[in-house]
Amino acid sequence: MTVEAHLESLHKKHVALEEELHALRTAPSISDTEIAECKRRKLRIKDEIQRLKSSVH
């Protein structure tokens, strides 16, 4: 997999997690722990995207 393809895949995952996070925030029975875990996963992907972008340049 090329770096560009990997970045595209990570961007898609990041968008999906953003949508999941929105759904979790609007669900009445979701705990703060579940929301925090989703935020952590999203942040890990964002960090990976930044790391890959900086290694390409």
PDB file of N, CA and C in Angstrom:
ATOM      1  N   MET A   1       0.851  -1.178   0.000  1.00  0.00           N
ATOM      2  CA  MET A   1       0.000   0.000   0.000  1.00  0.00           C
ATOM      3  C   MET A   1       0.894   1.238   0.000  1.00  0.00           C
ATOM      4  N   THR A   2       0.591   2.165  -0.875  1.00  0.00           N
ATOM      5  CA  THR A   2       1.370   3.400  -0.921  1.00  0.00           C
ATOM      6  C   THR A   2       1.001   4.283   0.263  1.00  0.00           C
ATOM      7  N   VAL A   3       1.846   5.255   0.518  1.00  0.00           N
ATOM      8  CA  VAL A   3       1.587   6.190   1.609  1.00  0.00           C
ATOM      9  C   VAL A   3       0.299   6.956   1.333  1.00  0.00           C
ATOM     10  N   GLU A   4       0.099   7.350   0.085  1.00  0.00           N
ATOM     11  CA  GLU A   4      -1.108   8.095  -0.274  1.00  0.00           C
ATOM     12  C   GLU A   4      -2.371   7.257  -0.042  1.00  0.00           C
ATOM     13  N   ALA A   5      -2.308   5.992  -0.406  1.00  0.00           N
ATOM     14  CA  ALA A   5      -3.453   5.104  -0.202  1.00  0.00           C
ATOM     15  C   ALA A   5      -3.711   4.897   1.291  1.00  0.00           C
ATOM     16  N   HIS A   6      -2.632   4.783   2.051  1.00  0.00           N
ATOM     17  CA  HIS A   6      -2.778   4.619   3.502  1.00  0.00           C
ATOM     18  C   HIS A   6      -3.395   5.876   4.113  1.00  0.00           C
ATOM     19  N   LEU A   7      -2.941   7.047   3.651  1.00  0.00           N
ATOM     20  CA  LEU A   7      -3.506   8.302   4.140  1.00  0.00           C
ATOM     21  C   LEU A   7      -4.995   8.399   3.812  1.00  0.00           C
ATOM     22  N   GLU A   8      -5.361   8.002   2.615  1.00  0.00           N
ATOM     23  CA  GLU A   8      -6.768   8.037   2.217  1.00  0.00           C
ATOM     24  C   GLU A   8      -7.596   7.117   3.111  1.00  0.00           C
ATOM     25  N   SER A   9      -7.065   5.940   3.389  1.00  0.00           N
ATOM     26  CA  SER A   9      -7.749   4.996   4.265  1.00  0.00           C
ATOM     27  C   SER A   9      -7.919   5.580   5.669  1.00  0.00           C
ATOM     28  N   LEU A  10      -6.873   6.221   6.171  1.00  0.00           N
ATOM     29  CA  LEU A  10      -6.944   6.834   7.499  1.00  0.00           C
ATOM     30  C   LEU A  10      -7.952   7.979   7.523  1.00  0.00           C
ATOM     31  N   HIS A  11      -7.997   8.769   6.460  1.00  0.00           N
ATOM     32  CA  HIS A  11      -8.977   9.857   6.389  1.00  0.00           C
ATOM     33  C   HIS A  11     -10.397   9.301   6.437  1.00  0.00           C
ATOM     34  N   LYS A  12     -10.633   8.206   5.730  1.00  0.00           N
ATOM     35  CA  LYS A  12     -11.965   7.594   5.741  1.00  0.00           C
ATOM     36  C   LYS A  12     -12.329   7.107   7.138  1.00  0.00           C
ATOM     37  N   LYS A  13     -11.366   6.498   7.825  1.00  0.00           N
ATOM     38  CA  LYS A  13     -11.606   6.031   9.194  1.00  0.00           C
ATOM     39  C   LYS A  13     -11.886   7.212  10.117  1.00  0.00           C
ATOM     40  N   HIS A  14     -11.155   8.311   9.917  1.00  0.00           N
ATOM     41  CA  HIS A  14     -11.329   9.502  10.737  1.00  0.00           C
ATOM     42  C   HIS A  14     -12.739  10.072  10.560  1.00  0.00           C
ATOM     43  N   VAL A  15     -13.205  10.141   9.325  1.00  0.00           N
ATOM     44  CA  VAL A  15     -14.556  10.626   9.046  1.00  0.00           C
ATOM     45  C   VAL A  15     -15.594   9.690   9.671  1.00  0.00           C
ATOM     46  N   ALA A  16     -15.368   8.399   9.548  1.00  0.00           N
ATOM     47  CA  ALA A  16     -16.299   7.427  10.126  1.00  0.00           C
ATOM     48  C   ALA A  16     -16.365   7.578  11.647  1.00  0.00           C
ATOM     49  N   LEU A  17     -15.219   7.810  12.273  1.00  0.00           N
ATOM     50  CA  LEU A  17     -15.212   7.994  13.722  1.00  0.00           C
ATOM     51  C   LEU A  17     -15.894   9.300  14.113  1.00  0.00           C
ATOM     52  N   GLU A  18     -15.761  10.321  13.292  1.00  0.00           N
ATOM     53  CA  GLU A  18     -16.455  11.582  13.559  1.00  0.00           C
ATOM     54  C   GLU A  18     -17.965  11.352  13.535  1.00  0.00           C
ATOM     55  N   GLU A  19     -18.432  10.582  12.571  1.00  0.00           N
ATOM     56  CA  GLU A  19     -19.856  10.260  12.483  1.00  0.00           C
ATOM     57  C   GLU A  19     -20.298   9.412  13.679  1.00  0.00           C
ATOM     58  N   GLU A  20     -19.452   8.450  14.060  1.00  0.00           N
ATOM     59  CA  GLU A  20     -19.768   7.610  15.216  1.00  0.00           C
ATOM     60  C   GLU A  20     -19.835   8.455  16.486  1.00  0.00           C
ATOM     61  N   LEU A  21     -18.894   9.371  16.629  1.00  0.00           N
ATOM     62  CA  LEU A  21     -18.862  10.236  17.803  1.00  0.00           C
ATOM     63  C   LEU A  21     -20.125  11.093  17.878  1.00  0.00           C
ATOM     64  N   HIS A  22     -20.550  11.611  16.744  1.00  0.00           N
ATOM     65  CA  HIS A  22     -21.790  12.397  16.710  1.00  0.00           C
ATOM     66  C   HIS A  22     -22.980  11.537  17.149  1.00  0.00           C
ATOM     67  N   ALA A  23     -23.030  10.315  16.652  1.00  0.00           N
ATOM     68  CA  ALA A  23     -24.124   9.413  17.022  1.00  0.00           C
ATOM     69  C   ALA A  23     -24.081   9.084  18.511  1.00  0.00           C
ATOM     70  N   LEU A  24     -22.881   8.877  19.042  1.00  0.00           N
ATOM     71  CA  LEU A  24     -22.753   8.566  20.466  1.00  0.00           C
ATOM     72  C   LEU A  24     -23.206   9.740  21.321  1.00  0.00           C
ATOM     73  N   ARG A  25     -22.857  10.945  20.902  1.00  0.00           N
ATOM     74  CA  ARG A  25     -23.224  12.130  21.686  1.00  0.00           C
ATOM     75  C   ARG A  25     -24.729  12.351  21.717  1.00  0.00           C
ATOM     76  N   THR A  26     -25.426  11.912  20.681  1.00  0.00           N
ATOM     77  CA  THR A  26     -26.871  12.129  20.642  1.00  0.00           C
ATOM     78  C   THR A  26     -27.662  10.967  21.235  1.00  0.00           C
ATOM     79  N   ALA A  27     -26.983   9.856  21.495  1.00  0.00           N
ATOM     80  CA  ALA A  27     -27.663   8.703  22.093  1.00  0.00           C
ATOM     81  C   ALA A  27     -27.814   8.924  23.597  1.00  0.00           C
ATOM     82  N   PRO A  28     -28.997   8.690  24.130  1.00  0.00           N
ATOM     83  CA  PRO A  28     -29.231   8.986  25.550  1.00  0.00           C
ATOM     84  C   PRO A  28     -28.556   8.016  26.529  1.00  0.00           C
ATOM     85  N   SER A  29     -28.285   6.795  26.103  1.00  0.00           N
ATOM     86  CA  SER A  29     -27.799   5.803  27.068  1.00  0.00           C
ATOM     87  C   SER A  29     -26.300   5.511  26.943  1.00  0.00           C
ATOM     88  N   ILE A  30     -25.561   6.352  26.245  1.00  0.00           N
ATOM     89  CA  ILE A  30     -24.126   6.128  26.052  1.00  0.00           C
ATOM     90  C   ILE A  30     -23.350   6.779  27.197  1.00  0.00           C
ATOM     91  N   SER A  31     -22.392   6.041  27.714  1.00  0.00           N
ATOM     92  CA  SER A  31     -21.611   6.552  28.837  1.00  0.00           C
ATOM     93  C   SER A  31     -20.495   7.473  28.353  1.00  0.00           C
ATOM     94  N   ASP A  32     -20.012   8.281  29.274  1.00  0.00           N
ATOM     95  CA  ASP A  32     -18.895   9.175  28.971  1.00  0.00           C
ATOM     96  C   ASP A  32     -17.655   8.376  28.606  1.00  0.00           C
ATOM     97  N   THR A  33     -17.521   7.191  29.159  1.00  0.00           N
ATOM     98  CA  THR A  33     -16.371   6.337  28.866  1.00  0.00           C
ATOM     99  C   THR A  33     -16.364   5.920  27.399  1.00  0.00           C
ATOM    100  N   GLU A  34     -17.522   5.569  26.877  1.00  0.00           N
ATOM    101  CA  GLU A  34     -17.608   5.172  25.467  1.00  0.00           C
ATOM    102  C   GLU A  34     -17.287   6.346  24.548  1.00  0.00           C
ATOM    103  N   ILE A  35     -17.755   7.527  24.901  1.00  0.00           N
ATOM    104  CA  ILE A  35     -17.459   8.716  24.109  1.00  0.00           C
ATOM    105  C   ILE A  35     -15.966   9.013  24.158  1.00  0.00           C
ATOM    106  N   ALA A  36     -15.367   8.911  25.325  1.00  0.00           N
ATOM    107  CA  ALA A  36     -13.939   9.171  25.472  1.00  0.00           C
ATOM    108  C   ALA A  36     -13.105   8.184  24.665  1.00  0.00           C
ATOM    109  N   GLU A  37     -13.507   6.927  24.640  1.00  0.00           N
ATOM    110  CA  GLU A  37     -12.781   5.919  23.865  1.00  0.00           C
ATOM    111  C   GLU A  37     -12.844   6.236  22.372  1.00  0.00           C
ATOM    112  N   CYS A  38     -13.991   6.650  21.912  1.00  0.00           N
ATOM    113  CA  CYS A  38     -14.140   7.014  20.501  1.00  0.00           C
ATOM    114  C   CYS A  38     -13.249   8.221  20.177  1.00  0.00           C
ATOM    115  N   LYS A  39     -13.211   9.191  21.073  1.00  0.00           N
ATOM    116  CA  LYS A  39     -12.349  10.364  20.872  1.00  0.00           C
ATOM    117  C   LYS A  39     -10.879   9.952  20.823  1.00  0.00           C
ATOM    118  N   ARG A  40     -10.485   8.999  21.682  1.00  0.00           N
ATOM    119  CA  ARG A  40      -9.088   8.531  21.690  1.00  0.00           C
ATOM    120  C   ARG A  40      -8.731   7.845  20.379  1.00  0.00           C
ATOM    121  N   ARG A  41      -9.642   7.001  19.873  1.00  0.00           N
ATOM    122  CA  ARG A  41      -9.385   6.335  18.590  1.00  0.00           C
ATOM    123  C   ARG A  41      -9.258   7.349  17.464  1.00  0.00           C
ATOM    124  N   LYS A  42     -10.123   8.343  17.487  1.00  0.00           N
ATOM    125  CA  LYS A  42     -10.092   9.391  16.463  1.00  0.00           C
ATOM    126  C   LYS A  42      -8.772  10.172  16.545  1.00  0.00           C
ATOM    127  N   LEU A  43      -8.336  10.492  17.747  1.00  0.00           N
ATOM    128  CA  LEU A  43      -7.091  11.227  17.925  1.00  0.00           C
ATOM    129  C   LEU A  43      -5.882  10.403  17.480  1.00  0.00           C
ATOM    130  N   ARG A  44      -5.892   9.091  17.757  1.00  0.00           N
ATOM    131  CA  ARG A  44      -4.792   8.234  17.300  1.00  0.00           C
ATOM    132  C   ARG A  44      -4.684   8.243  15.779  1.00  0.00           C
ATOM    133  N   ILE A  45      -5.826   8.198  15.114  1.00  0.00           N
ATOM    134  CA  ILE A  45      -5.819   8.226  13.651  1.00  0.00           C
ATOM    135  C   ILE A  45      -5.329   9.578  13.159  1.00  0.00           C
ATOM    136  N   LYS A  46      -5.789  10.652  13.789  1.00  0.00           N
ATOM    137  CA  LYS A  46      -5.339  11.993  13.394  1.00  0.00           C
ATOM    138  C   LYS A  46      -3.823  12.116  13.560  1.00  0.00           C
ATOM    139  N   ASP A  47      -3.295  11.614  14.665  1.00  0.00           N
ATOM    140  CA  ASP A  47      -1.848  11.647  14.899  1.00  0.00           C
ATOM    141  C   ASP A  47      -1.100  10.842  13.843  1.00  0.00           C
ATOM    142  N   GLU A  48      -1.640   9.692  13.476  1.00  0.00           N
ATOM    143  CA  GLU A  48      -1.014   8.857  12.450  1.00  0.00           C
ATOM    144  C   GLU A  48      -1.017   9.580  11.100  1.00  0.00           C
ATOM    145  N   ILE A  49      -2.106  10.257  10.782  1.00  0.00           N
ATOM    146  CA  ILE A  49      -2.177  11.019   9.539  1.00  0.00           C
ATOM    147  C   ILE A  49      -1.096  12.102   9.536  1.00  0.00           C
ATOM    148  N   GLN A  50      -0.969  12.840  10.630  1.00  0.00           N
ATOM    149  CA  GLN A  50       0.034  13.890  10.717  1.00  0.00           C
ATOM    150  C   GLN A  50       1.455  13.323  10.612  1.00  0.00           C
ATOM    151  N   ARG A  51       1.674  12.184  11.251  1.00  0.00           N
ATOM    152  CA  ARG A  51       3.006  11.560  11.196  1.00  0.00           C
ATOM    153  C   ARG A  51       3.352  11.158   9.778  1.00  0.00           C
ATOM    154  N   LEU A  52       2.399  10.554   9.089  1.00  0.00           N
ATOM    155  CA  LEU A  52       2.646  10.142   7.708  1.00  0.00           C
ATOM    156  C   LEU A  52       2.875  11.333   6.791  1.00  0.00           C
ATOM    157  N   LYS A  53       2.065  12.373   6.972  1.00  0.00           N
ATOM    158  CA  LYS A  53       2.236  13.571   6.137  1.00  0.00           C
ATOM    159  C   LYS A  53       3.603  14.201   6.351  1.00  0.00           C
ATOM    160  N   SER A  54       4.061  14.237   7.591  1.00  0.00           N
ATOM    161  CA  SER A  54       5.369  14.855   7.862  1.00  0.00           C
ATOM    162  C   SER A  54       6.521  13.980   7.342  1.00  0.00           C
ATOM    163  N   SER A  55       6.331  12.672   7.274  1.00  0.00           N
ATOM    164  CA  SER A  55       7.392  11.809   6.774  1.00  0.00           C
ATOM    165  C   SER A  55       7.491  11.866   5.241  1.00  0.00           C
ATOM    166  N   VAL A  56       6.387  12.244   4.590  1.00  0.00           N
ATOM    167  CA  VAL A  56       6.372  12.351   3.133  1.00  0.00           C
ATOM    168  C   VAL A  56       7.083  13.626   2.692  1.00  0.00           C
ATOM    169  N   HIS A  57       6.913  14.685   3.447  1.00  0.00           N
ATOM    170  CA  HIS A  57       7.503  15.978   3.072  1.00  0.00           C
ATOM    171  C   HIS A  57       8.896  16.026   3.519  1.00  0.00           C
TER     172      HIS A  57
END
